[in-house]
Amino acid sequence: MAENSTFEHDPGLAEFTMERADDAIIWHDCYAYIKRVNRAACDLLGYTREQLVGMTIQDINPNSTPKTWAKFWKELQEKKVVVFEDDHRTRDGRIVPLETQVNFIEFEGREYAVAFSRDISKRRKIEEEKAQAYREICRLREQLKMENEYLQEEVQELQTFAGFVGQSPALQNILRQIEMVAPTDAGVLITGESGTGKELIAHEIHNRSERASRPMIRVNCASIPRELYESEFFGHVKGAFTGAVKDRTGRFELAHGGTLFLDEVGEIPLDLQSKLLRVLQEGTFERVGGETTQTADVRIIAATNRDLKREVEERRFREDLYYRLNVFPVEVPPLRKRKEDIPLLAAHFLELAARKFNHPKPKLSQAKINHLQGYDWPGNIRELQNVIERAVITARSGRFHFDLPTGGETYSASPPVRGEGEDGEAYRILTFEEIKQLDRDNILKALKKSGGKVFGTGGAAELLDTRPTTLASRIKRLGLKL
């Protein structure tokens, strides 16, 4: 230790520069030994003046080492004044953040430094709170951005779909089930063929629930690459795997407080179903590559076109997950079992298609409705929508007609005359005279239904979907009497 100098024992200078200052002031030499301190330094660090004098800076600064000290002193010699933020350790072991200004002094041929330090604990706390608030704002902004993009896609998909259009007993039964389960938080499993409107039912359940103010987030389980399932469900942190260039919010996190709709839930790989089950049971999850446990406050609505009970029996779907999802089952009937709804659905889709394509709305005659009702619709409501949209597009350049199969088991408007084949599948070839008779009988039925009226609304021409002048010519050619 260097010998004390006259400067170090100057009571007048110490009184002026140190004892009256609010900041903690510490004098030390080039070897880091403390030579003098003021009362504020003692109060800050919890030592007496006698205890501090003779200690080194390394004794009170946990970040200072001989190596960093040498670097610091060299910088101080060059700049004469150095300002920085650092931590000091108090006598009782607490760490106090300080803002310090160190001034270089030469006195009587020796080098000293005087450090003025101020406790910035409150400022650090405020800055950390601001930083935390900013991070939360950024997180919420990103979440809202993702929710907005997601919901825009959902709205776009649903805008042209039929909703609950129809009056059939099957549809009324679905609506009653929705009314029962929506106010609860029970899990719902919606089953039915593709295109029957399972997602619309999920939306209606969500919209009538207490979670309606929060979004319903959809996960198409059939479209997720196997290696991305966990990231899609739970999110990931930057660097969790190749391609994870930034943090990503998962669907569970997006749906927090709302509803998570697991579409095509039967497509989830068996080995990943256990991870989904754990979240549903425990209500917690972690992002891929992350260590923070997050809460999953979501209602689960699942949908599938598979027979999940059979999938369980054949060990392709976990039984415990199946019962977790299937608290309240809703089975959606195919369109062929609610054909009485087709006229209303067709009119609804026709109106939407005409607006969508900016085309004049074609007339939906009874003959065309009969045509639609004679088809079994393996693609259900979605197929009906597509057929009508295609008909509206082609109507501008030609006749308004529906492009439907005219044979096979999916079309039954005019059952074919069958022969005597053993399996009943061979069609008997009709003679021209038989075809003429069928045409005659069909026209007579239309005339009877229209009361002998050929032209105008409800006339036989409308029922047969043909021009009135064409029908009149055929009636004359066949020798029919009105």
Protein backbone atom coordinates (compact mmCIF):
# COMPACT_ATOMS: atom_id res chain seq x y z
CA MET A 1 0.00 0.00 0.00
CA ALA A 2 1.28 3.47 -0.86
CA GLU A 3 2.09 5.80 2.01
CA ASN A 4 -0.51 8.38 3.05
CA SER A 5 0.22 11.87 1.74
CA THR A 6 -0.48 15.29 3.17
CA PHE A 7 -3.35 15.56 0.67
CA GLU A 8 -5.03 12.51 2.15
CA HIS A 9 -5.13 14.14 5.62
CA ASP A 10 -6.27 17.62 4.61
CA PRO A 11 -9.33 18.11 6.86
CA GLY A 12 -10.39 21.34 5.17
CA LEU A 13 -10.54 19.83 1.69
CA ALA A 14 -12.27 16.69 2.98
CA GLU A 15 -14.93 18.80 4.71
CA PHE A 16 -15.62 20.79 1.54
CA THR A 17 -15.53 18.08 -1.11
CA MET A 18 -16.79 15.05 0.73
CA GLU A 19 -18.77 15.47 3.92
CA ARG A 20 -21.24 17.96 2.48
CA ALA A 21 -21.99 15.93 -0.64
CA ASP A 22 -25.16 13.84 -1.04
CA ASP A 23 -23.36 11.44 -3.35
CA ALA A 24 -21.14 8.69 -2.02
CA ILE A 25 -17.54 9.83 -2.51
CA ILE A 26 -14.59 7.46 -2.39
CA TRP A 27 -10.96 8.43 -2.82
CA HIS A 28 -8.62 5.68 -3.93
CA ASP A 29 -5.17 5.34 -5.41
CA CYS A 30 -3.91 3.72 -8.57
CA TYR A 31 -3.67 0.36 -6.77
CA ALA A 32 -7.42 0.43 -5.93
CA TYR A 33 -6.88 1.04 -2.21
CA ILE A 34 -9.50 3.23 -0.59
CA LYS A 35 -7.97 6.29 1.10
CA ARG A 36 -10.95 8.31 2.20
CA VAL A 37 -14.73 8.16 2.14
CA ASN A 38 -17.55 10.46 3.14
CA ARG A 39 -20.52 9.80 5.39
CA ALA A 40 -22.80 9.12 2.39
CA ALA A 41 -20.50 6.29 1.24
CA CYS A 42 -20.59 4.71 4.68
CA ASP A 43 -24.39 4.93 4.82
CA LEU A 44 -24.73 3.48 1.32
CA LEU A 45 -22.39 0.52 1.84
CA GLY A 46 -23.11 -0.18 5.52
CA TYR A 47 -19.49 0.12 6.71
CA THR A 48 -17.87 2.49 9.18
CA ARG A 49 -15.30 4.92 7.90
CA GLU A 50 -12.55 2.96 9.64
CA GLN A 51 -13.67 -0.30 7.98
CA LEU A 52 -13.74 1.14 4.46
CA VAL A 53 -10.40 2.92 4.56
CA GLY A 54 -7.76 0.34 3.64
CA MET A 55 -10.16 -1.90 1.71
CA THR A 56 -9.85 -2.17 -2.07
CA ILE A 57 -12.39 -1.42 -4.78
CA GLN A 58 -12.53 -5.16 -5.48
CA ASP A 59 -13.83 -5.66 -1.92
CA ILE A 60 -16.95 -3.59 -2.64
CA ASN A 61 -17.33 -4.06 -6.42
CA PRO A 62 -18.09 -7.68 -7.40
CA ASN A 63 -17.37 -6.93 -11.07
CA SER A 64 -13.89 -5.54 -10.53
CA THR A 65 -10.88 -7.82 -11.03
CA PRO A 66 -7.16 -7.07 -11.40
CA LYS A 67 -7.54 -7.36 -15.16
CA THR A 68 -10.55 -5.06 -15.45
CA TRP A 69 -8.95 -2.66 -12.98
CA ALA A 70 -5.84 -2.27 -15.12
CA LYS A 71 -8.01 -1.55 -18.14
CA PHE A 72 -10.10 0.95 -16.20
CA TRP A 73 -7.07 2.82 -14.81
CA LYS A 74 -5.52 3.12 -18.25
CA GLU A 75 -8.75 4.59 -19.61
CA LEU A 76 -8.95 7.01 -16.66
CA GLN A 77 -5.37 8.19 -17.24
CA GLU A 78 -6.21 8.96 -20.89
CA LYS A 79 -9.67 10.50 -20.49
CA LYS A 80 -9.27 12.04 -16.99
CA VAL A 81 -13.03 11.55 -16.39
CA VAL A 82 -14.92 8.27 -16.78
CA VAL A 83 -18.66 7.82 -16.27
CA PHE A 84 -20.28 4.39 -16.00
CA GLU A 85 -22.92 2.30 -14.24
CA ASP A 86 -21.85 -0.59 -12.06
CA ASP A 87 -22.84 -2.59 -8.99
CA HIS A 88 -21.45 -2.39 -5.45
CA ARG A 89 -21.88 -4.93 -2.67
CA THR A 90 -22.95 -3.72 0.77
CA ARG A 91 -21.70 -5.16 4.03
CA ASP A 92 -24.85 -7.32 4.36
CA GLY A 93 -24.41 -8.73 0.84
CA ARG A 94 -26.99 -6.65 -1.03
CA ILE A 95 -26.11 -5.52 -4.54
CA VAL A 96 -26.71 -1.81 -5.19
CA PRO A 97 -26.62 -0.37 -8.71
CA LEU A 98 -24.69 2.89 -8.90
CA GLU A 99 -24.04 5.59 -11.46
CA THR A 100 -20.45 6.69 -10.94
CA GLN A 101 -18.26 9.50 -12.23
CA VAL A 102 -14.54 9.01 -11.57
CA ASN A 103 -12.11 11.95 -11.83
CA PHE A 104 -8.36 11.50 -12.29
CA ILE A 105 -6.19 13.55 -9.89
CA GLU A 106 -2.41 13.99 -9.62
CA PHE A 107 -1.18 15.30 -6.28
CA GLU A 108 2.37 15.53 -5.01
CA GLY A 109 3.60 13.24 -7.77
CA ARG A 110 1.06 10.54 -7.12
CA GLU A 111 -2.04 9.43 -9.03
CA TYR A 112 -5.44 9.27 -7.36
CA ALA A 113 -9.06 9.01 -8.31
CA VAL A 114 -12.16 10.38 -6.68
CA ALA A 115 -15.43 8.61 -7.45
CA PHE A 116 -18.84 10.25 -7.05
CA SER A 117 -21.53 7.56 -6.91
CA ARG A 118 -25.31 7.77 -6.79
CA ASP A 119 -27.76 4.97 -5.94
CA ILE A 120 -29.91 4.33 -9.04
CA SER A 121 -31.97 1.46 -7.65
CA LYS A 122 -35.23 3.37 -8.10
CA ARG A 123 -34.28 4.47 -11.58
CA ARG A 124 -33.29 0.92 -12.52
CA LYS A 125 -36.61 -0.35 -11.21
CA ILE A 126 -38.52 2.24 -13.23
CA GLU A 127 -36.45 1.45 -16.32
CA GLU A 128 -37.04 -2.28 -15.86
CA GLU A 129 -40.76 -1.68 -15.41
CA LYS A 130 -40.78 0.41 -18.57
CA ALA A 131 -38.80 -2.24 -20.42
CA GLN A 132 -41.16 -4.94 -19.15
CA ALA A 133 -44.16 -2.86 -20.18
CA TYR A 134 -42.61 -2.28 -23.60
CA ARG A 135 -41.96 -6.00 -24.03
CA GLU A 136 -45.54 -6.73 -23.02
CA ILE A 137 -46.84 -4.12 -25.46
CA CYS A 138 -44.72 -5.66 -28.22
CA ARG A 139 -45.99 -9.12 -27.30
CA LEU A 140 -49.61 -7.97 -27.29
CA ARG A 141 -49.10 -6.05 -30.53
CA GLU A 142 -47.68 -9.18 -32.18
CA GLN A 143 -50.48 -11.29 -30.73
CA LEU A 144 -53.13 -8.85 -31.94
CA LYS A 145 -51.48 -8.75 -35.36
CA MET A 146 -51.56 -12.54 -35.59
CA GLU A 147 -55.14 -12.66 -34.28
CA ASN A 148 -56.20 -10.03 -36.80
CA GLU A 149 -54.56 -11.84 -39.72
CA TYR A 150 -56.00 -15.14 -38.54
CA LEU A 151 -59.52 -13.79 -38.03
CA GLN A 152 -59.50 -12.06 -41.41
CA GLU A 153 -58.76 -15.42 -43.01
CA GLU A 154 -61.54 -17.04 -40.99
CA VAL A 155 -64.06 -14.33 -41.91
CA GLN A 156 -63.12 -14.62 -45.58
CA GLU A 157 -63.70 -18.38 -45.44
CA LEU A 158 -67.03 -18.03 -43.66
CA GLN A 159 -68.49 -15.08 -45.56
CA THR A 160 -69.58 -17.25 -48.48
CA PHE A 161 -70.67 -20.23 -46.45
CA ALA A 162 -74.31 -20.86 -45.70
CA GLY A 163 -74.46 -20.65 -41.94
CA PHE A 164 -77.63 -22.12 -40.51
CA VAL A 165 -79.89 -21.92 -43.54
CA GLY A 166 -82.73 -24.42 -43.59
CA GLN A 167 -85.74 -25.70 -41.70
CA SER A 168 -85.18 -29.46 -41.60
CA PRO A 169 -85.65 -31.41 -38.35
CA ALA A 170 -81.97 -32.42 -38.54
CA LEU A 171 -80.87 -28.78 -38.55
CA GLN A 172 -83.27 -27.86 -35.74
CA ASN A 173 -81.80 -30.66 -33.63
CA ILE A 174 -78.30 -29.24 -34.18
CA LEU A 175 -79.46 -25.79 -33.08
CA ARG A 176 -80.98 -27.21 -29.89
CA GLN A 177 -77.69 -28.94 -29.07
CA ILE A 178 -75.79 -25.69 -29.61
CA GLU A 179 -78.13 -23.87 -27.22
CA MET A 180 -77.53 -26.50 -24.55
CA VAL A 181 -73.73 -26.69 -24.67
CA ALA A 182 -72.68 -23.16 -25.65
CA PRO A 183 -73.07 -21.49 -22.20
CA THR A 184 -70.95 -24.19 -20.56
CA ASP A 185 -67.19 -24.65 -20.82
CA ALA A 186 -67.51 -28.31 -21.78
CA GLY A 187 -65.41 -29.80 -24.56
CA VAL A 188 -67.34 -30.49 -27.76
CA LEU A 189 -66.57 -33.08 -30.45
CA ILE A 190 -68.27 -32.32 -33.77
CA THR A 191 -68.41 -35.24 -36.18
CA GLY A 192 -69.64 -35.41 -39.75
CA GLU A 193 -68.59 -35.70 -43.36
CA SER A 194 -66.41 -33.09 -45.03
CA GLY A 195 -68.31 -30.01 -46.16
CA THR A 196 -71.22 -30.32 -43.71
CA GLY A 197 -70.41 -27.11 -41.82
CA LYS A 198 -68.64 -28.38 -38.70
CA GLU A 199 -66.62 -25.18 -38.37
CA LEU A 200 -69.77 -23.05 -38.51
CA ILE A 201 -71.18 -25.03 -35.59
CA ALA A 202 -67.94 -24.46 -33.66
CA HIS A 203 -68.18 -20.70 -34.32
CA GLU A 204 -71.79 -20.63 -33.19
CA ILE A 205 -70.94 -22.44 -29.94
CA HIS A 206 -68.10 -19.99 -29.31
CA ASN A 207 -70.20 -16.93 -30.15
CA ARG A 208 -72.90 -17.98 -27.68
CA SER A 209 -70.40 -18.72 -24.90
CA GLU A 210 -68.96 -16.50 -22.19
CA ARG A 211 -65.70 -16.51 -24.16
CA ALA A 212 -67.22 -14.72 -27.14
CA SER A 213 -65.23 -11.52 -26.47
CA ARG A 214 -62.01 -13.45 -27.11
CA PRO A 215 -61.12 -15.10 -30.44
CA MET A 216 -61.79 -18.64 -31.56
CA ILE A 217 -58.48 -19.88 -32.97
CA ARG A 218 -58.59 -22.69 -35.52
CA VAL A 219 -55.91 -25.31 -36.04
CA ASN A 220 -56.19 -27.46 -39.16
CA CYS A 221 -54.53 -30.58 -37.78
CA ALA A 222 -54.43 -32.20 -41.22
CA SER A 223 -52.25 -29.48 -42.77
CA ILE A 224 -49.46 -29.24 -40.18
CA PRO A 225 -46.13 -30.90 -41.04
CA ARG A 226 -45.33 -33.54 -38.45
CA GLU A 227 -42.16 -31.82 -37.25
CA LEU A 228 -44.01 -28.52 -36.64
CA TYR A 229 -46.93 -29.74 -34.53
CA GLU A 230 -45.45 -28.64 -31.20
CA SER A 231 -44.42 -25.25 -32.58
CA GLU A 232 -47.89 -24.74 -34.09
CA PHE A 233 -49.65 -25.62 -30.84
CA PHE A 234 -47.28 -24.15 -28.24
CA GLY A 235 -45.02 -21.70 -30.13
CA HIS A 236 -41.23 -21.58 -30.02
CA VAL A 237 -38.39 -19.31 -28.97
CA LYS A 238 -35.77 -17.96 -31.31
CA GLY A 239 -33.09 -20.54 -32.08
CA ALA A 240 -35.15 -23.50 -30.81
CA PHE A 241 -34.53 -25.31 -34.10
CA THR A 242 -33.27 -24.63 -37.61
CA GLY A 243 -35.47 -21.96 -39.13
CA ALA A 244 -36.67 -20.52 -35.81
CA VAL A 245 -35.35 -17.03 -36.58
CA LYS A 246 -37.64 -15.30 -34.08
CA ASP A 247 -40.03 -16.06 -31.24
CA ARG A 248 -43.39 -17.40 -32.38
CA THR A 249 -46.71 -17.37 -30.54
CA GLY A 250 -48.49 -20.74 -30.59
CA ARG A 251 -52.20 -21.37 -31.04
CA PHE A 252 -52.78 -22.15 -27.36
CA GLU A 253 -51.30 -18.79 -26.42
CA LEU A 254 -53.34 -16.98 -29.09
CA ALA A 255 -56.52 -18.64 -27.84
CA HIS A 256 -55.89 -17.79 -24.16
CA GLY A 257 -59.22 -16.82 -22.63
CA GLY A 258 -61.05 -17.95 -25.78
CA THR A 259 -61.68 -21.13 -27.75
CA LEU A 260 -59.28 -23.43 -29.58
CA PHE A 261 -60.91 -25.26 -32.50
CA LEU A 262 -59.03 -28.42 -33.44
CA ASP A 263 -60.26 -29.15 -36.96
CA GLU A 264 -59.57 -32.68 -38.27
CA VAL A 265 -58.35 -33.69 -34.82
CA GLY A 266 -58.13 -37.33 -35.92
CA GLU A 267 -55.09 -36.44 -38.04
CA ILE A 268 -52.83 -35.71 -35.06
CA PRO A 269 -50.03 -38.32 -34.94
CA LEU A 270 -50.42 -40.82 -32.13
CA ASP A 271 -47.08 -40.00 -30.47
CA LEU A 272 -48.00 -36.30 -30.28
CA GLN A 273 -51.46 -36.86 -28.81
CA SER A 274 -49.98 -37.39 -25.34
CA LYS A 275 -48.48 -33.88 -25.35
CA LEU A 276 -51.84 -32.41 -26.30
CA LEU A 277 -53.53 -34.44 -23.57
CA ARG A 278 -51.05 -33.17 -20.96
CA VAL A 279 -51.91 -29.56 -21.77
CA LEU A 280 -55.63 -30.28 -21.62
CA GLN A 281 -55.24 -31.99 -18.24
CA GLU A 282 -52.75 -29.65 -16.57
CA GLY A 283 -53.60 -26.38 -18.31
CA THR A 284 -49.93 -25.45 -18.76
CA PHE A 285 -47.34 -25.62 -21.52
CA GLU A 286 -43.91 -24.33 -22.56
CA ARG A 287 -42.83 -22.96 -25.90
CA VAL A 288 -40.46 -25.20 -27.85
CA GLY A 289 -36.97 -24.33 -26.64
CA GLY A 290 -38.35 -22.20 -23.82
CA GLU A 291 -38.23 -22.64 -20.05
CA THR A 292 -41.13 -20.42 -18.94
CA THR A 293 -44.33 -22.28 -18.07
CA GLN A 294 -47.46 -20.62 -19.42
CA THR A 295 -51.11 -21.09 -18.56
CA ALA A 296 -53.55 -22.36 -21.17
CA ASP A 297 -57.03 -21.07 -20.33
CA VAL A 298 -58.85 -22.32 -23.43
CA ARG A 299 -62.04 -24.14 -24.29
CA ILE A 300 -61.53 -27.03 -26.71
CA ILE A 301 -63.89 -27.71 -29.60
CA ALA A 302 -62.74 -30.50 -31.91
CA ALA A 303 -64.07 -31.73 -35.24
CA THR A 304 -63.38 -34.75 -37.41
CA ASN A 305 -64.79 -36.66 -40.36
CA ARG A 306 -63.30 -39.86 -38.98
CA ASP A 307 -64.95 -42.44 -36.74
CA LEU A 308 -62.80 -41.72 -33.68
CA LYS A 309 -64.32 -44.54 -31.68
CA ARG A 310 -63.11 -47.00 -34.32
CA GLU A 311 -59.76 -45.20 -34.41
CA VAL A 312 -59.48 -45.82 -30.67
CA GLU A 313 -60.36 -49.51 -31.10
CA GLU A 314 -57.69 -49.84 -33.79
CA ARG A 315 -55.17 -48.01 -31.56
CA ARG A 316 -54.72 -45.06 -33.90
CA PHE A 317 -56.16 -42.58 -31.40
CA ARG A 318 -55.62 -42.38 -27.65
CA GLU A 319 -58.66 -43.47 -25.66
CA ASP A 320 -58.01 -40.98 -22.84
CA LEU A 321 -57.75 -38.09 -25.32
CA TYR A 322 -60.93 -39.26 -27.07
CA TYR A 323 -62.93 -39.13 -23.83
CA ARG A 324 -61.34 -35.80 -22.94
CA LEU A 325 -62.58 -34.31 -26.23
CA ASN A 326 -65.92 -36.12 -26.45
CA VAL A 327 -67.65 -34.60 -23.43
CA PHE A 328 -70.54 -33.34 -25.57
CA PRO A 329 -70.81 -34.98 -29.01
CA VAL A 330 -72.53 -33.21 -31.91
CA GLU A 331 -73.15 -35.22 -35.08
CA VAL A 332 -73.77 -33.19 -38.24
CA PRO A 333 -75.98 -34.95 -40.82
CA PRO A 334 -74.91 -34.96 -44.48
CA LEU A 335 -76.84 -32.86 -46.98
CA ARG A 336 -78.46 -35.95 -48.54
CA LYS A 337 -80.28 -36.47 -45.22
CA ARG A 338 -81.65 -32.93 -45.13
CA LYS A 339 -82.62 -32.38 -48.77
CA GLU A 340 -85.60 -30.27 -47.72
CA ASP A 341 -83.03 -27.55 -46.91
CA ILE A 342 -81.61 -27.50 -50.45
CA PRO A 343 -84.05 -24.87 -51.87
CA LEU A 344 -83.16 -22.36 -49.14
CA LEU A 345 -79.46 -23.16 -49.34
CA ALA A 346 -79.43 -22.87 -53.12
CA ALA A 347 -81.23 -19.50 -53.03
CA HIS A 348 -78.78 -18.27 -50.40
CA PHE A 349 -75.74 -19.34 -52.40
CA LEU A 350 -77.20 -17.93 -55.60
CA GLU A 351 -77.58 -14.51 -53.96
CA LEU A 352 -74.02 -14.61 -52.62
CA ALA A 353 -72.52 -15.78 -55.92
CA ALA A 354 -74.28 -13.09 -57.94
CA ARG A 355 -72.85 -10.40 -55.62
CA LYS A 356 -69.43 -12.03 -55.49
CA PHE A 357 -68.99 -12.20 -59.26
CA ASN A 358 -71.03 -9.08 -60.03
CA HIS A 359 -73.35 -11.10 -62.31
CA PRO A 360 -77.11 -10.80 -62.71
CA LYS A 361 -78.85 -13.29 -60.45
CA PRO A 362 -80.28 -16.15 -62.53
CA LYS A 363 -83.73 -17.48 -61.81
CA LEU A 364 -83.88 -20.61 -59.68
CA SER A 365 -86.79 -22.57 -61.15
CA GLN A 366 -88.57 -25.49 -59.55
CA ALA A 367 -87.05 -27.77 -62.19
CA LYS A 368 -83.57 -26.69 -61.14
CA ILE A 369 -84.44 -27.26 -57.49
CA ASN A 370 -85.67 -30.72 -58.37
CA HIS A 371 -82.40 -31.26 -60.22
CA LEU A 372 -80.41 -30.29 -57.12
CA GLN A 373 -82.54 -32.41 -54.80
CA GLY A 374 -82.06 -35.45 -57.02
CA TYR A 375 -78.31 -35.45 -56.38
CA ASP A 376 -76.81 -37.07 -53.27
CA TRP A 377 -74.07 -34.44 -52.67
CA PRO A 378 -71.05 -36.43 -51.50
CA GLY A 379 -69.27 -33.09 -51.00
CA ASN A 380 -72.24 -31.77 -48.98
CA ILE A 381 -72.89 -28.04 -48.53
CA ARG A 382 -69.45 -27.06 -49.80
CA GLU A 383 -70.08 -28.94 -53.05
CA LEU A 384 -73.50 -27.30 -53.42
CA GLN A 385 -71.89 -23.88 -53.07
CA ASN A 386 -69.27 -24.69 -55.68
CA VAL A 387 -71.84 -26.02 -58.17
CA ILE A 388 -73.97 -22.89 -57.86
CA GLU A 389 -71.00 -20.53 -58.16
CA ARG A 390 -69.86 -22.36 -61.29
CA ALA A 391 -73.38 -22.12 -62.74
CA VAL A 392 -73.51 -18.35 -62.10
CA ILE A 393 -70.14 -17.85 -63.80
CA THR A 394 -71.13 -19.83 -66.91
CA ALA A 395 -74.62 -18.34 -67.10
CA ARG A 396 -73.31 -15.08 -68.58
CA SER A 397 -72.06 -16.83 -71.68
CA GLY A 398 -74.81 -19.43 -71.97
CA ARG A 399 -77.74 -21.15 -70.29
CA PHE A 400 -77.98 -21.27 -66.52
CA HIS A 401 -77.54 -24.91 -65.62
CA PHE A 402 -75.93 -27.08 -62.96
CA ASP A 403 -72.98 -29.27 -63.85
CA LEU A 404 -73.92 -32.47 -62.02
CA PRO A 405 -73.28 -36.16 -62.76
CA THR A 406 -76.13 -37.74 -64.72
CA GLY A 407 -75.51 -41.38 -63.82
CA GLY A 408 -74.23 -43.63 -61.10
CA GLU A 409 -75.31 -43.77 -57.51
CA THR A 410 -74.87 -40.10 -56.69
CA TYR A 411 -77.72 -38.95 -58.92
CA SER A 412 -81.28 -40.14 -58.49
CA ALA A 413 -83.62 -37.58 -60.10
CA SER A 414 -84.74 -40.00 -62.82
CA PRO A 415 -84.06 -43.60 -61.84
CA PRO A 416 -83.04 -45.60 -64.91
CA VAL A 417 -85.04 -48.54 -66.16
CA ARG A 418 -83.17 -51.66 -65.14
CA GLY A 419 -82.95 -54.97 -66.95
CA GLU A 420 -83.12 -58.52 -65.76
CA GLY A 421 -79.41 -58.79 -64.86
CA GLU A 422 -78.52 -61.01 -61.91
CA ASP A 423 -77.00 -58.12 -59.95
CA GLY A 424 -79.56 -55.59 -61.15
CA GLU A 425 -76.81 -53.25 -62.44
CA ALA A 426 -77.33 -53.69 -66.20
CA TYR A 427 -79.34 -50.86 -67.78
CA ARG A 428 -81.99 -51.85 -70.37
CA ILE A 429 -81.67 -49.91 -73.61
CA LEU A 430 -84.82 -47.93 -74.37
CA THR A 431 -86.34 -47.72 -77.81
CA PHE A 432 -87.00 -44.33 -79.41
CA GLU A 433 -90.71 -44.93 -78.96
CA GLU A 434 -90.21 -45.55 -75.23
CA ILE A 435 -88.14 -42.39 -74.92
CA LYS A 436 -90.89 -40.47 -76.74
CA GLN A 437 -93.46 -41.88 -74.34
CA LEU A 438 -91.35 -40.89 -71.32
CA ASP A 439 -91.07 -37.37 -72.73
CA ARG A 440 -94.83 -37.25 -73.30
CA ASP A 441 -95.58 -38.46 -69.74
CA ASN A 442 -93.13 -35.97 -68.22
CA ILE A 443 -94.69 -33.02 -70.07
CA LEU A 444 -98.18 -34.13 -69.07
CA LYS A 445 -97.11 -34.26 -65.39
CA ALA A 446 -95.71 -30.73 -65.64
CA LEU A 447 -98.89 -29.45 -67.30
CA LYS A 448 -101.01 -31.11 -64.63
CA LYS A 449 -98.95 -29.55 -61.84
CA SER A 450 -99.11 -26.09 -63.45
CA GLY A 451 -102.85 -26.37 -64.11
CA GLY A 452 -102.32 -26.34 -67.86
CA LYS A 453 -100.25 -23.13 -67.69
CA VAL A 454 -97.22 -23.09 -70.02
CA PHE A 455 -95.88 -19.53 -69.75
CA GLY A 456 -94.90 -17.42 -66.72
CA THR A 457 -94.12 -18.13 -63.10
CA GLY A 458 -95.20 -21.60 -62.05
CA GLY A 459 -95.83 -22.62 -65.64
CA ALA A 460 -94.90 -25.96 -67.12
CA ALA A 461 -91.95 -24.40 -69.02
CA GLU A 462 -90.45 -23.22 -65.75
CA LEU A 463 -90.95 -26.62 -64.14
CA LEU A 464 -89.25 -28.32 -67.06
CA ASP A 465 -86.49 -25.67 -67.18
CA THR A 466 -87.00 -24.85 -70.85
CA ARG A 467 -88.17 -21.93 -72.94
CA PRO A 468 -91.96 -21.61 -73.20
CA THR A 469 -91.80 -21.41 -77.03
CA THR A 470 -89.75 -24.63 -77.11
CA LEU A 471 -92.26 -26.40 -74.86
CA ALA A 472 -95.18 -25.17 -76.95
CA SER A 473 -93.54 -26.59 -80.09
CA ARG A 474 -92.97 -29.98 -78.41
CA ILE A 475 -96.56 -30.09 -77.13
CA LYS A 476 -97.79 -29.46 -80.69
CA ARG A 477 -95.37 -32.05 -82.16
CA LEU A 478 -96.46 -34.72 -79.66
CA GLY A 479 -100.10 -33.94 -80.29
CA LEU A 480 -100.85 -33.11 -76.68
CA LYS A 481 -103.92 -31.09 -75.77
CA LEU A 482 -103.88 -28.41 -73.12
